[in-house]
């Protein structure tokens, strides 16, 4: 989602919880979590943020719900005893990782009364590759069946829409393509996650995360 924006936006609060949702989906697709948000394997994932989230989930008894974990990891909880679950500086840490990979850069930007560190895009090729993949999934490669779509792309579309950054991916399209793409996105948004999760060979936790953002 950050690469679809092209920079790290600190003004979009929606993306904070959206990124936590993406992390839960990624752990689910890697087979690390069950629907009840119980840790199936605490083997390192190779990603510091995913491992940190996995450790919190592993150490928690009784288990929390998907909605609760999104709130806990985002720091949106009123329970002072659970504030330590918050994953701090997620966007900054993700941006630093992308800087190390040469996708973003770091610079100071002046906002009249203060300076803020921003991370403009430097490698547009990688961003365009991701944007094109998202565009094609609802245009040329549209399969009209969410269960035949790549699960990560499907999750990205739904969570990016909830985080108010999906339109960035469709902005370069011609009017007819844009209208068709958004029409198909809304077809996906109208799905009932509870019903979809009951179908064969699906990742139930992925659909539970989707439900938390689209209900």
Protein backbone atom coordinates (compact mmCIF):
# COMPACT_ATOMS: atom_id res chain seq x y z
CA UNK A 1 0.00 0.00 0.00
CA UNK A 2 2.87 2.35 0.74
CA UNK A 3 4.33 1.89 -2.74
CA UNK A 4 0.95 2.58 -4.36
CA UNK A 5 1.04 5.98 -2.63
CA UNK A 6 4.58 6.65 -3.77
CA UNK A 7 5.63 8.03 -0.37
CA UNK A 8 4.97 7.54 3.30
CA UNK A 9 1.89 9.59 4.21
CA UNK A 10 1.59 10.47 7.87
CA UNK A 11 -1.72 12.26 7.30
CA UNK A 12 -3.70 9.14 6.39
CA UNK A 13 -4.78 7.46 9.63
CA UNK A 14 -6.66 4.71 7.76
CA UNK A 15 -3.47 3.19 6.46
CA UNK A 16 -2.15 2.46 9.96
CA UNK A 17 -4.75 -0.19 10.71
CA UNK A 18 -4.71 -1.29 7.07
CA UNK A 19 -1.02 -2.16 7.31
CA UNK A 20 -1.68 -4.24 10.45
CA UNK A 21 -4.43 -6.03 8.57
CA UNK A 22 -2.00 -6.77 5.74
CA UNK A 23 0.44 -8.24 8.26
CA UNK A 24 -2.20 -10.57 9.69
CA UNK A 25 -3.13 -11.67 6.16
CA UNK A 26 0.51 -12.33 5.32
CA UNK A 27 0.98 -14.43 8.46
CA UNK A 28 -2.21 -16.32 7.61
CA UNK A 29 -1.10 -17.00 4.03
CA UNK A 30 2.26 -18.22 5.34
CA UNK A 31 0.39 -20.73 7.50
CA UNK A 32 1.52 -19.17 10.79
CA UNK A 33 -1.94 -18.42 12.24
CA UNK A 34 -5.28 -20.19 12.58
CA UNK A 35 -8.71 -18.58 12.20
CA UNK A 36 -8.88 -18.22 15.99
CA UNK A 37 -5.67 -16.15 15.71
CA UNK A 38 -3.61 -18.81 17.43
CA UNK A 39 0.04 -19.23 16.52
CA UNK A 40 0.62 -22.45 14.56
CA UNK A 41 4.35 -21.87 14.11
CA UNK A 42 6.70 -19.31 15.60
CA UNK A 43 9.50 -20.10 13.17
CA UNK A 44 11.12 -16.84 11.99
CA UNK A 45 9.54 -15.39 8.87
CA UNK A 46 12.55 -13.34 7.86
CA UNK A 47 10.61 -10.11 8.42
CA UNK A 48 11.13 -8.21 11.69
CA UNK A 49 7.61 -6.75 11.85
CA UNK A 50 5.90 -10.06 11.07
CA UNK A 51 8.03 -11.82 13.70
CA UNK A 52 7.17 -9.14 16.25
CA UNK A 53 3.44 -9.51 15.59
CA UNK A 54 3.75 -13.30 15.71
CA UNK A 55 5.47 -13.15 19.10
CA UNK A 56 2.66 -11.02 20.56
CA UNK A 57 0.05 -13.45 19.26
CA UNK A 58 1.96 -16.52 20.49
CA UNK A 59 2.30 -15.11 24.01
CA UNK A 60 -1.38 -14.17 24.36
CA UNK A 61 -3.84 -16.38 26.24
CA UNK A 62 -6.76 -16.55 25.86
CA UNK A 63 -6.64 -15.72 22.13
CA UNK A 64 -7.90 -12.36 20.86
CA UNK A 65 -10.17 -11.91 17.84
CA UNK A 66 -9.01 -10.60 14.45
CA UNK A 67 -10.70 -7.24 15.09
CA UNK A 68 -9.04 -7.02 18.52
CA UNK A 69 -5.60 -7.76 17.10
CA UNK A 70 -5.94 -5.04 14.47
CA UNK A 71 -6.82 -2.58 17.23
CA UNK A 72 -4.10 -3.84 19.58
CA UNK A 73 -1.33 -3.80 16.97
CA UNK A 74 -2.46 -0.32 15.86
CA UNK A 75 -2.49 0.96 19.44
CA UNK A 76 -6.22 1.69 19.20
CA UNK A 77 -7.11 0.11 22.54
CA UNK A 78 -8.42 1.67 25.72
CA UNK A 79 -6.97 -1.12 27.86
CA UNK A 80 -3.72 0.21 29.42
CA UNK A 81 -2.61 -3.36 30.18
CA UNK A 82 -2.50 -4.15 26.46
CA UNK A 83 -0.73 -1.07 25.12
CA UNK A 84 2.51 -3.06 24.86
CA UNK A 85 1.00 -5.01 21.95
CA UNK A 86 1.20 -1.97 19.71
CA UNK A 87 3.61 -2.27 16.79
CA UNK A 88 5.30 1.11 16.84
CA UNK A 89 6.58 3.16 13.92
CA UNK A 90 5.35 0.61 11.38
CA UNK A 91 5.27 3.00 8.44
CA UNK A 92 8.68 4.42 9.32
CA UNK A 93 10.17 0.94 9.67
CA UNK A 94 8.63 -0.22 6.40
CA UNK A 95 9.89 2.93 4.72
CA UNK A 96 13.40 2.34 6.10
CA UNK A 97 13.32 -1.17 4.67
CA UNK A 98 12.28 0.20 1.26
CA UNK A 99 15.04 2.82 1.49
CA UNK A 100 17.59 0.05 2.08
CA UNK A 101 16.25 -1.71 -1.03
CA UNK A 102 16.60 1.46 -3.09
CA UNK A 103 12.85 1.89 -3.63
CA UNK A 104 12.46 5.05 -1.52
CA UNK A 105 14.81 7.76 -0.35
CA UNK A 106 14.85 9.93 2.76
CA UNK A 107 14.62 13.69 2.89
CA UNK A 108 13.45 16.50 5.11
CA UNK A 109 10.39 18.46 4.03
CA UNK A 110 9.41 21.80 5.54
CA UNK A 111 5.79 22.27 6.68
CA UNK A 112 5.98 25.96 7.70
CA UNK A 113 6.33 25.43 11.47
CA UNK A 114 8.29 22.20 11.47
CA UNK A 115 10.38 19.85 9.39
CA UNK A 116 9.28 16.27 8.75
CA UNK A 117 11.15 13.28 7.42
CA UNK A 118 9.53 12.00 4.23
CA UNK A 119 10.31 9.08 1.94
CA UNK A 120 9.75 9.95 -1.74
CA UNK A 121 9.76 7.20 -4.33
CA UNK A 122 13.04 6.78 -6.25
CA UNK A 123 12.51 3.47 -8.06
CA UNK A 124 9.36 4.00 -10.06
CA UNK A 125 9.78 0.70 -11.91
CA UNK A 126 8.92 -1.38 -8.85
CA UNK A 127 5.91 0.78 -8.07
CA UNK A 128 4.62 0.59 -11.63
CA UNK A 129 5.04 -3.19 -11.61
CA UNK A 130 2.83 -3.42 -8.51
CA UNK A 131 0.29 -0.91 -9.83
CA UNK A 132 0.11 -2.76 -13.16
CA UNK A 133 -0.50 -6.05 -11.34
CA UNK A 134 -3.39 -4.49 -9.41
CA UNK A 135 -4.83 -2.88 -12.54
CA UNK A 136 -4.60 -6.07 -14.59
CA UNK A 137 -6.31 -8.11 -11.88
CA UNK A 138 -9.54 -6.14 -12.45
CA UNK A 139 -9.07 -5.47 -16.17
CA UNK A 140 -7.25 -7.76 -18.64
CA UNK A 141 -6.83 -10.64 -16.16
CA UNK A 142 -10.23 -10.30 -14.48
CA UNK A 143 -11.52 -13.82 -13.65
CA UNK A 144 -14.86 -12.83 -12.07
CA UNK A 145 -14.20 -15.19 -9.17
CA UNK A 146 -12.38 -14.01 -6.02
CA UNK A 147 -11.25 -17.57 -5.25
CA UNK A 148 -9.34 -17.77 -8.52
CA UNK A 149 -7.53 -14.49 -7.85
CA UNK A 150 -4.11 -14.31 -6.27
CA UNK A 151 -4.87 -14.09 -2.54
CA UNK A 152 -2.30 -11.40 -1.84
CA UNK A 153 -3.54 -9.23 -4.72
CA UNK A 154 -7.16 -9.70 -3.64
CA UNK A 155 -6.30 -8.76 -0.05
CA UNK A 156 -4.25 -5.80 -1.24
CA UNK A 157 -7.16 -4.46 -3.31
CA UNK A 158 -9.68 -4.76 -0.48
CA UNK A 159 -7.41 -3.39 2.26
CA UNK A 160 -6.02 -0.63 0.05
CA UNK A 161 -9.60 0.48 -0.67
CA UNK A 162 -10.33 0.53 3.08
CA UNK A 163 -7.17 2.58 3.59
CA UNK A 164 -8.17 5.14 0.93
CA UNK A 165 -5.15 4.54 -1.31
CA UNK A 166 -6.56 2.26 -4.02
CA UNK A 167 -7.60 5.12 -6.31
CA UNK A 168 -3.91 6.03 -6.62
CA UNK A 169 -3.41 2.79 -8.56
CA UNK A 170 -6.30 3.54 -10.92
CA UNK A 171 -5.69 7.26 -11.39
CA UNK A 172 -3.49 6.85 -14.54
CA UNK A 173 -6.16 4.79 -16.34
CA UNK A 174 -8.34 6.13 -19.12
CA UNK A 175 -11.91 6.96 -18.08
CA UNK A 176 -13.44 3.76 -19.47
CA UNK A 177 -10.79 1.57 -17.87
CA UNK A 178 -11.13 3.43 -14.58
CA UNK A 179 -14.90 3.00 -14.50
CA UNK A 180 -14.66 -0.70 -15.36
CA UNK A 181 -11.90 -1.31 -12.82
CA UNK A 182 -13.78 0.44 -10.02
CA UNK A 183 -16.99 -1.38 -10.96
CA UNK A 184 -15.21 -4.70 -10.51
CA UNK A 185 -13.61 -3.54 -7.26
CA UNK A 186 -17.07 -2.76 -5.93
CA UNK A 187 -18.13 -6.25 -6.99
CA UNK A 188 -15.41 -7.56 -4.67
CA UNK A 189 -16.43 -5.16 -1.91
CA UNK A 190 -20.01 -6.45 -2.07
CA UNK A 191 -18.89 -9.99 -1.25
CA UNK A 192 -19.95 -11.34 2.13
CA UNK A 193 -16.74 -12.50 3.84
CA UNK A 194 -18.61 -14.92 6.12
CA UNK A 195 -20.06 -16.75 3.12
CA UNK A 196 -16.79 -16.67 1.19
CA UNK A 197 -14.86 -18.10 4.14
CA UNK A 198 -17.19 -21.11 4.24
CA UNK A 199 -16.25 -22.19 0.70
CA UNK A 200 -13.72 -24.99 0.06
CA UNK A 201 -9.96 -24.40 -0.01
CA UNK A 202 -10.01 -20.84 1.29
CA UNK A 203 -7.95 -19.07 3.92
CA UNK A 204 -10.52 -18.31 6.60
CA UNK A 205 -8.33 -15.89 8.52
CA UNK A 206 -7.76 -13.83 5.37
CA UNK A 207 -11.52 -13.42 4.96
CA UNK A 208 -11.87 -12.61 8.68
CA UNK A 209 -9.43 -9.73 8.22
CA UNK A 210 -11.37 -8.55 5.15
CA UNK A 211 -14.58 -8.69 7.19
CA UNK A 212 -13.02 -6.50 9.88
CA UNK A 213 -12.42 -3.75 7.32
CA UNK A 214 -15.44 -4.04 5.05
CA UNK A 215 -18.32 -4.78 7.42
